[in-house]
Amino acid sequence: MNTFGQIFRLTTFGESHGEAIGGVVDGMPAGIDIDVDFIQSELARRRPGQSNITTSRQEPDQVELLSGVFEGCSTGCPIGFIVRNQNQHSSDYDNMRQLFRPSHADYTYYYKYGTRDHRGGGRSSARITISRCVAGALAKLALRQLGITVQAYTSQVGNIALERDYHLYDLSLTETNAVRCPDAEKAAQMIALIEQVKSEGDTIGGVITCVVKGCPPGLGEPEAHKLHADLGAAMLSINAVKGFEYGEGFAGVTQRGSEQNDIFRSVDGRITTASNHSGGIQGGISNGQDIYYRVAFKPVATLLQTQDTVDVNGQATTLTARGRHDPCVLPRAVPIVEAMTAMTIMDHFLLNKTAKM
């Protein structure tokens, strides 16, 4: 439905061209310092109009915290918030009122509910992820006190890809370019490709890699709600996501068990592993190593090209989309991947506190 999480829970509301996007976060522990500037900076990373390879829609995306915070700290009560929409161009979508965009949620929403908000996709718009970024920022603030960090970056756009091993890169460089790639040379190639695709009225997809450091062993459930399953569900709930793999993922199927197994060893009295092909999760439970995974994003469905389609009556027609759209979602999706990750890890940390006395 519209609620994510079990103990750390986010319920969202709003549409792309409505009055506001918002949500309620329940389960936020009391006593966490609420850094509003940090929350705002996370929204700025997702904000439209931040470069020439993103949509040109201009929104300040200013968050308003309505409850659950007193004298700069969380109270343990629900944290309500809104972000007001201020730059809608709803008339750009008038020619889509009776038409279905190919590969878009227009058709499925219409046949599920019998109606749809055609303005910017309504509830199916990626603008709804504002709420996730606010809640993810709150989760990051709580995880910060636990020494857990979440870092995502663009690792592939089209056929331009980084090496799979994240250790090869300085991830602190991720925010130094518009595409959010820690390799400057590859970033320039990615940006050039996105600019070319945009000039053609087309779109392109790619991959975001995410790394969680400092996660303690023991998070995750043994059957339902395995940690990797919940991370996968969180990633696949993001607009345009088509795939999720953790650890070696699909690349590991060509190896033998003798090559793939992570050998246990003791270092300074602490149990660790000699390698991390498992991606920090074994049996659905974190093992204390880095958690890492890759998230595949498809090309944006809305093209500024003429496409064949049908109207609500099934009559063949053509559609040439207007408006402001991302030629590639990856630069703005990096903070969304981090937000969903932070919420999932925080939720499992709180769940784990109920596992034993």
Protein backbone atom coordinates (compact mmCIF):
# COMPACT_ATOMS: atom_id res chain seq x y z
CA MET A 1 0.00 0.00 0.00
CA ASN A 2 1.44 3.40 0.96
CA THR A 3 3.35 2.32 4.09
CA PHE A 4 6.91 1.00 4.14
CA GLY A 5 8.60 -0.76 7.08
CA GLN A 6 7.63 -2.73 10.16
CA ILE A 7 8.87 -0.73 13.17
CA PHE A 8 10.52 2.21 11.42
CA ARG A 9 7.55 3.00 9.19
CA LEU A 10 6.94 5.60 6.50
CA THR A 11 3.46 6.38 5.18
CA THR A 12 3.43 8.74 2.19
CA PHE A 13 0.86 10.90 0.44
CA GLY A 14 0.66 13.36 -2.44
CA GLU A 15 0.81 13.59 -6.22
CA SER A 16 3.27 15.14 -8.65
CA HIS A 17 1.02 18.10 -9.48
CA GLY A 18 -0.97 18.25 -6.24
CA GLU A 19 -0.56 20.74 -3.40
CA ALA A 20 2.23 18.90 -1.62
CA ILE A 21 4.16 15.68 -1.11
CA GLY A 22 4.35 14.45 2.46
CA GLY A 23 4.50 11.63 4.92
CA VAL A 24 4.51 10.39 8.48
CA VAL A 25 7.48 8.56 9.99
CA ASP A 26 6.59 6.35 12.94
CA GLY A 27 9.08 4.41 15.03
CA MET A 28 11.82 7.03 15.01
CA PRO A 29 13.71 6.53 18.30
CA ALA A 30 13.54 9.41 20.77
CA GLY A 31 16.55 11.58 21.51
CA ILE A 32 18.03 11.67 18.01
CA ASP A 33 19.44 15.07 17.03
CA ILE A 34 17.36 16.26 14.08
CA ASP A 35 19.64 18.18 11.72
CA VAL A 36 17.18 19.97 9.43
CA ASP A 37 20.02 21.29 7.26
CA PHE A 38 21.13 17.70 6.62
CA ILE A 39 17.58 16.66 5.68
CA GLN A 40 17.39 19.61 3.32
CA SER A 41 20.74 18.71 1.77
CA GLU A 42 19.45 15.19 1.05
CA LEU A 43 16.44 16.69 -0.71
CA ALA A 44 18.75 18.96 -2.70
CA ARG A 45 20.53 15.89 -4.05
CA ARG A 46 17.19 14.56 -5.35
CA ARG A 47 15.83 17.96 -6.43
CA PRO A 48 14.99 18.55 -10.11
CA GLY A 49 16.78 21.20 -12.13
CA GLN A 50 20.19 20.66 -10.55
CA SER A 51 22.05 20.16 -13.84
CA ASN A 52 21.52 20.04 -17.60
CA ILE A 53 21.25 16.23 -17.51
CA THR A 54 18.16 16.30 -15.29
CA THR A 55 14.63 17.60 -15.72
CA SER A 56 14.45 21.40 -15.86
CA ARG A 57 11.52 21.60 -13.41
CA GLN A 58 12.51 24.13 -10.73
CA GLU A 59 11.40 23.24 -7.21
CA PRO A 60 12.94 24.43 -3.92
CA ASP A 61 11.72 21.23 -2.21
CA GLN A 62 11.71 22.90 1.20
CA VAL A 63 10.72 20.45 3.93
CA GLU A 64 8.39 21.45 6.76
CA LEU A 65 8.55 19.24 9.87
CA LEU A 66 5.11 19.33 11.51
CA SER A 67 5.45 17.08 14.56
CA GLY A 68 7.64 14.67 16.50
CA VAL A 69 10.54 17.10 17.03
CA PHE A 70 11.08 19.23 20.13
CA GLU A 71 14.08 21.44 20.86
CA GLY A 72 16.00 19.88 18.00
CA CYS A 73 15.50 16.23 19.02
CA SER A 74 13.09 13.47 18.07
CA THR A 75 10.47 12.81 20.75
CA GLY A 76 9.57 9.26 19.76
CA CYS A 77 6.21 10.48 18.44
CA PRO A 78 5.28 10.36 14.73
CA ILE A 79 7.19 12.86 12.61
CA GLY A 80 4.86 14.46 10.08
CA PHE A 81 6.24 16.52 7.19
CA ILE A 82 5.30 18.11 3.89
CA VAL A 83 7.12 19.50 0.87
CA ARG A 84 4.96 21.85 -1.19
CA ASN A 85 4.83 21.69 -4.99
CA GLN A 86 5.46 25.12 -6.49
CA ASN A 87 6.42 24.72 -10.15
CA GLN A 88 3.83 22.49 -11.82
CA HIS A 89 3.19 22.88 -15.55
CA SER A 90 0.06 20.73 -15.67
CA SER A 91 -0.95 21.93 -19.15
CA ASP A 92 2.12 20.12 -20.55
CA TYR A 93 0.19 16.89 -19.99
CA ASP A 94 -3.14 17.84 -21.58
CA ASN A 95 -2.41 15.77 -24.69
CA MET A 96 -1.88 12.69 -22.48
CA ARG A 97 -5.27 12.84 -20.75
CA GLN A 98 -6.80 10.12 -22.93
CA LEU A 99 -3.61 8.35 -24.04
CA PHE A 100 -1.33 5.74 -22.49
CA ARG A 101 2.42 6.35 -22.61
CA PRO A 102 4.26 3.19 -23.74
CA SER A 103 5.89 1.32 -20.80
CA HIS A 104 4.51 3.89 -18.34
CA ALA A 105 2.18 3.27 -15.39
CA ASP A 106 -0.62 5.21 -17.15
CA TYR A 107 -2.30 2.02 -18.39
CA THR A 108 -1.92 -0.07 -15.24
CA TYR A 109 -3.12 2.71 -12.92
CA TYR A 110 -6.14 3.36 -15.13
CA TYR A 111 -7.19 -0.29 -15.16
CA LYS A 112 -6.53 -0.82 -11.46
CA TYR A 113 -8.45 2.23 -10.23
CA GLY A 114 -10.70 3.16 -13.16
CA THR A 115 -9.23 6.66 -13.13
CA ARG A 116 -5.85 8.34 -13.14
CA ASP A 117 -4.20 11.70 -12.60
CA HIS A 118 -2.53 12.29 -15.97
CA ARG A 119 -0.63 15.37 -14.72
CA GLY A 120 2.97 14.27 -14.39
CA GLY A 121 1.86 10.72 -13.67
CA GLY A 122 0.12 11.68 -10.42
CA ARG A 123 0.96 9.15 -7.74
CA SER A 124 3.17 7.12 -10.09
CA SER A 125 5.56 10.06 -10.55
CA ALA A 126 9.12 9.83 -9.24
CA ARG A 127 8.37 13.10 -7.42
CA ILE A 128 6.71 10.96 -4.75
CA THR A 129 10.21 9.81 -3.73
CA ILE A 130 10.62 13.14 -1.92
CA SER A 131 8.94 11.49 1.07
CA ARG A 132 11.40 8.62 0.96
CA CYS A 133 14.35 11.02 0.98
CA VAL A 134 13.02 12.84 4.05
CA ALA A 135 12.43 9.58 5.92
CA GLY A 136 15.76 8.22 4.71
CA ALA A 137 17.54 11.31 6.04
CA LEU A 138 15.91 10.74 9.44
CA ALA A 139 17.04 7.10 9.34
CA LYS A 140 20.57 8.21 8.41
CA LEU A 141 20.65 10.54 11.42
CA ALA A 142 19.78 7.61 13.68
CA LEU A 143 22.24 5.26 11.96
CA ARG A 144 24.96 7.88 12.31
CA GLN A 145 24.86 7.38 16.09
CA LEU A 146 25.35 3.64 15.50
CA GLY A 147 28.38 4.14 13.24
CA ILE A 148 26.52 2.83 10.16
CA THR A 149 26.99 4.66 6.84
CA VAL A 150 25.23 4.30 3.49
CA GLN A 151 26.94 5.35 0.23
CA ALA A 152 25.50 4.90 -3.27
CA TYR A 153 26.94 5.97 -6.61
CA THR A 154 26.29 5.69 -10.34
CA SER A 155 28.33 2.75 -11.59
CA GLN A 156 26.93 2.43 -15.12
CA VAL A 157 25.06 4.51 -17.70
CA GLY A 158 24.18 2.68 -20.89
CA ASN A 159 27.30 0.69 -21.86
CA ILE A 160 29.71 2.93 -19.89
CA ALA A 161 30.50 1.06 -16.68
CA LEU A 162 32.89 1.07 -13.73
CA GLU A 163 34.58 -2.05 -12.46
CA ARG A 164 32.29 -4.03 -10.15
CA ASP A 165 34.67 -3.83 -7.16
CA TYR A 166 33.78 -0.68 -5.19
CA HIS A 167 37.11 -0.83 -3.33
CA LEU A 168 38.78 0.47 -6.49
CA TYR A 169 37.18 3.90 -6.11
CA ASP A 170 37.23 6.81 -3.70
CA LEU A 171 33.51 7.03 -2.96
CA SER A 172 33.96 10.46 -1.35
CA LEU A 173 34.25 11.79 -4.93
CA THR A 174 30.70 10.73 -5.80
CA GLU A 175 29.24 14.20 -5.32
CA THR A 176 31.92 15.99 -7.37
CA ASN A 177 30.08 15.65 -10.70
CA ALA A 178 26.53 15.85 -12.01
CA VAL A 179 26.12 12.12 -12.67
CA ARG A 180 27.34 11.11 -9.18
CA CYS A 181 30.09 8.77 -10.33
CA PRO A 182 33.34 8.50 -8.29
CA ASP A 183 35.50 8.11 -11.42
CA ALA A 184 35.99 11.52 -13.10
CA GLU A 185 36.90 10.12 -16.52
CA LYS A 186 33.96 7.71 -16.64
CA ALA A 187 31.68 10.43 -15.26
CA ALA A 188 32.56 12.71 -18.19
CA GLN A 189 31.74 9.90 -20.64
CA MET A 190 28.44 9.20 -18.88
CA ILE A 191 27.45 12.87 -18.93
CA ALA A 192 28.29 13.12 -22.64
CA LEU A 193 26.13 10.07 -23.36
CA ILE A 194 23.18 11.46 -21.38
CA GLU A 195 23.51 14.81 -23.17
CA GLN A 196 23.52 13.04 -26.54
CA VAL A 197 20.47 10.95 -25.62
CA LYS A 198 18.67 14.07 -24.37
CA SER A 199 19.37 15.95 -27.61
CA GLU A 200 17.69 13.09 -29.49
CA GLY A 201 14.58 13.27 -27.30
CA ASP A 202 15.43 9.82 -25.96
CA THR A 203 16.33 8.31 -22.57
CA ILE A 204 18.93 5.90 -21.14
CA GLY A 205 19.19 3.60 -18.11
CA GLY A 206 22.00 2.25 -15.97
CA VAL A 207 23.09 0.87 -12.60
CA ILE A 208 23.55 2.31 -9.12
CA THR A 209 25.82 0.52 -6.63
CA CYS A 210 25.27 0.92 -2.89
CA VAL A 211 27.61 0.10 0.00
CA VAL A 212 26.64 -0.12 3.70
CA LYS A 213 29.52 0.04 6.17
CA GLY A 214 29.50 -0.54 9.92
CA CYS A 215 26.42 -2.77 9.94
CA PRO A 216 26.67 -5.17 12.89
CA PRO A 217 26.11 -8.91 12.48
CA GLY A 218 22.66 -10.26 13.31
CA LEU A 219 20.31 -7.96 11.35
CA GLY A 220 17.68 -9.77 9.30
CA GLU A 221 15.14 -12.51 9.89
CA PRO A 222 15.77 -16.21 9.20
CA GLU A 223 12.73 -16.85 6.99
CA ALA A 224 10.36 -14.06 5.97
CA HIS A 225 11.99 -10.61 5.96
CA LYS A 226 15.51 -11.80 5.23
CA LEU A 227 17.70 -8.70 5.10
CA HIS A 228 18.58 -9.05 1.42
CA ALA A 229 14.92 -9.73 0.57
CA ASP A 230 13.79 -6.55 2.29
CA LEU A 231 16.60 -4.55 0.66
CA GLY A 232 15.57 -5.99 -2.69
CA ALA A 233 11.91 -5.14 -2.06
CA ALA A 234 12.90 -1.60 -1.06
CA MET A 235 14.95 -1.10 -4.22
CA LEU A 236 12.33 -2.63 -6.51
CA SER A 237 9.73 -0.25 -5.07
CA ILE A 238 11.65 2.70 -6.56
CA ASN A 239 10.36 4.06 -9.88
CA ALA A 240 12.11 2.60 -12.96
CA VAL A 241 14.00 -0.13 -11.06
CA LYS A 242 14.17 -3.41 -12.98
CA GLY A 243 16.74 -5.48 -11.10
CA PHE A 244 18.59 -6.08 -7.82
CA GLU A 245 21.61 -8.23 -7.04
CA TYR A 246 23.75 -8.34 -3.90
CA GLY A 247 27.24 -9.66 -3.32
CA GLU A 248 28.60 -11.35 -6.44
CA GLY A 249 25.04 -11.63 -7.74
CA PHE A 250 24.62 -13.07 -11.22
CA ALA A 251 28.36 -12.82 -11.92
CA GLY A 252 28.99 -15.46 -9.25
CA VAL A 253 27.10 -18.26 -11.01
CA THR A 254 30.15 -19.15 -13.13
CA GLN A 255 32.29 -19.83 -10.05
CA ARG A 256 32.56 -22.96 -7.94
CA GLY A 257 31.80 -23.12 -4.24
CA SER A 258 35.50 -23.40 -3.50
CA GLU A 259 35.98 -20.03 -5.18
CA GLN A 260 32.83 -18.41 -3.82
CA ASN A 261 32.90 -19.37 -0.12
CA ASP A 262 33.95 -16.64 2.35
CA ILE A 263 36.44 -18.30 4.70
CA PHE A 264 36.07 -17.37 8.39
CA ARG A 265 39.08 -16.24 10.36
CA SER A 266 39.85 -14.51 13.65
CA VAL A 267 41.57 -11.12 13.66
CA ASP A 268 42.42 -9.54 17.02
CA GLY A 269 39.84 -11.74 18.70
CA ARG A 270 37.08 -10.77 16.25
CA ILE A 271 35.55 -13.20 13.76
CA THR A 272 35.65 -11.90 10.19
CA THR A 273 35.94 -13.33 6.68
CA ALA A 274 38.85 -13.44 4.25
CA SER A 275 36.61 -12.33 1.37
CA ASN A 276 33.10 -10.94 0.96
CA HIS A 277 31.49 -12.64 -2.02
CA SER A 278 28.32 -12.95 0.08
CA GLY A 279 27.84 -9.18 0.14
CA GLY A 280 27.71 -8.99 3.94
CA ILE A 281 24.61 -11.20 4.25
CA GLN A 282 24.41 -14.95 4.87
CA GLY A 283 21.21 -16.86 5.52
CA GLY A 284 19.32 -13.60 5.25
CA ILE A 285 21.21 -12.12 8.22
CA SER A 286 24.05 -9.57 8.21
CA ASN A 287 27.50 -10.99 9.07
CA GLY A 288 29.28 -7.73 9.94
CA GLN A 289 31.02 -7.26 6.58
CA ASP A 290 30.22 -4.49 4.11
CA ILE A 291 26.80 -4.93 2.51
CA TYR A 292 26.93 -4.11 -1.17
CA TYR A 293 24.52 -4.47 -4.08
CA ARG A 294 23.60 -3.18 -7.52
CA VAL A 295 20.30 -1.72 -8.67
CA ALA A 296 19.34 -1.64 -12.37
CA PHE A 297 17.24 1.27 -13.69
CA LYS A 298 15.45 1.20 -17.03
CA PRO A 299 15.34 4.17 -19.42
CA VAL A 300 12.62 6.70 -18.54
CA ALA A 301 9.37 5.79 -20.32
CA THR A 302 8.40 9.35 -21.33
CA LEU A 303 10.22 10.24 -24.55
CA LEU A 304 10.19 13.56 -26.38
CA GLN A 305 9.69 11.59 -29.59
CA THR A 306 6.57 10.48 -31.44
CA GLN A 307 5.49 6.97 -30.40
CA ASP A 308 2.64 4.70 -31.40
CA THR A 309 0.08 4.04 -28.66
CA VAL A 310 -3.66 3.71 -28.02
CA ASP A 311 -6.23 5.85 -26.24
CA VAL A 312 -8.51 4.79 -23.37
CA ASN A 313 -10.91 3.31 -25.92
CA GLY A 314 -8.21 1.17 -27.50
CA GLN A 315 -8.03 3.25 -30.67
CA ALA A 316 -4.60 3.45 -32.32
CA THR A 317 -3.00 6.88 -32.24
CA THR A 318 0.36 8.57 -31.72
CA LEU A 319 1.78 10.53 -28.81
CA THR A 320 4.47 13.18 -28.72
CA ALA A 321 5.14 13.96 -25.08
CA ARG A 322 5.72 17.50 -23.88
CA GLY A 323 7.01 18.84 -20.58
CA ARG A 324 10.15 18.45 -18.50
CA HIS A 325 11.51 14.95 -18.05
CA ASP A 326 14.76 13.30 -16.99
CA PRO A 327 16.75 11.76 -19.87
CA CYS A 328 18.32 9.49 -17.23
CA VAL A 329 17.08 8.97 -13.67
CA LEU A 330 20.35 7.77 -12.17
CA PRO A 331 21.87 11.07 -10.93
CA ARG A 332 18.75 11.88 -8.90
CA ALA A 333 18.11 8.24 -7.93
CA VAL A 334 21.39 7.89 -5.98
CA PRO A 335 19.98 9.61 -2.84
CA ILE A 336 16.73 7.63 -3.21
CA VAL A 337 18.65 4.32 -3.16
CA GLU A 338 20.48 5.54 -0.05
CA ALA A 339 17.22 6.59 1.60
CA MET A 340 15.51 3.24 1.06
CA THR A 341 18.64 1.47 2.27
CA ALA A 342 18.85 3.56 5.45
CA MET A 343 15.18 2.95 6.26
CA THR A 344 15.57 -0.80 5.73
CA ILE A 345 18.70 -1.07 7.90
CA MET A 346 17.12 1.08 10.61
CA ASP A 347 13.96 -1.03 10.56
CA HIS A 348 15.97 -4.24 10.96
CA PHE A 349 18.10 -2.75 13.72
CA LEU A 350 14.93 -1.98 15.69
CA LEU A 351 13.51 -5.43 14.90
CA ASN A 352 16.70 -7.06 16.14
CA LYS A 353 16.30 -5.39 19.54
CA THR A 354 13.22 -7.59 20.04
CA ALA A 355 15.09 -10.83 19.23
CA LYS A 356 16.78 -11.41 22.57
CA MET A 357 16.93 -10.05 26.11
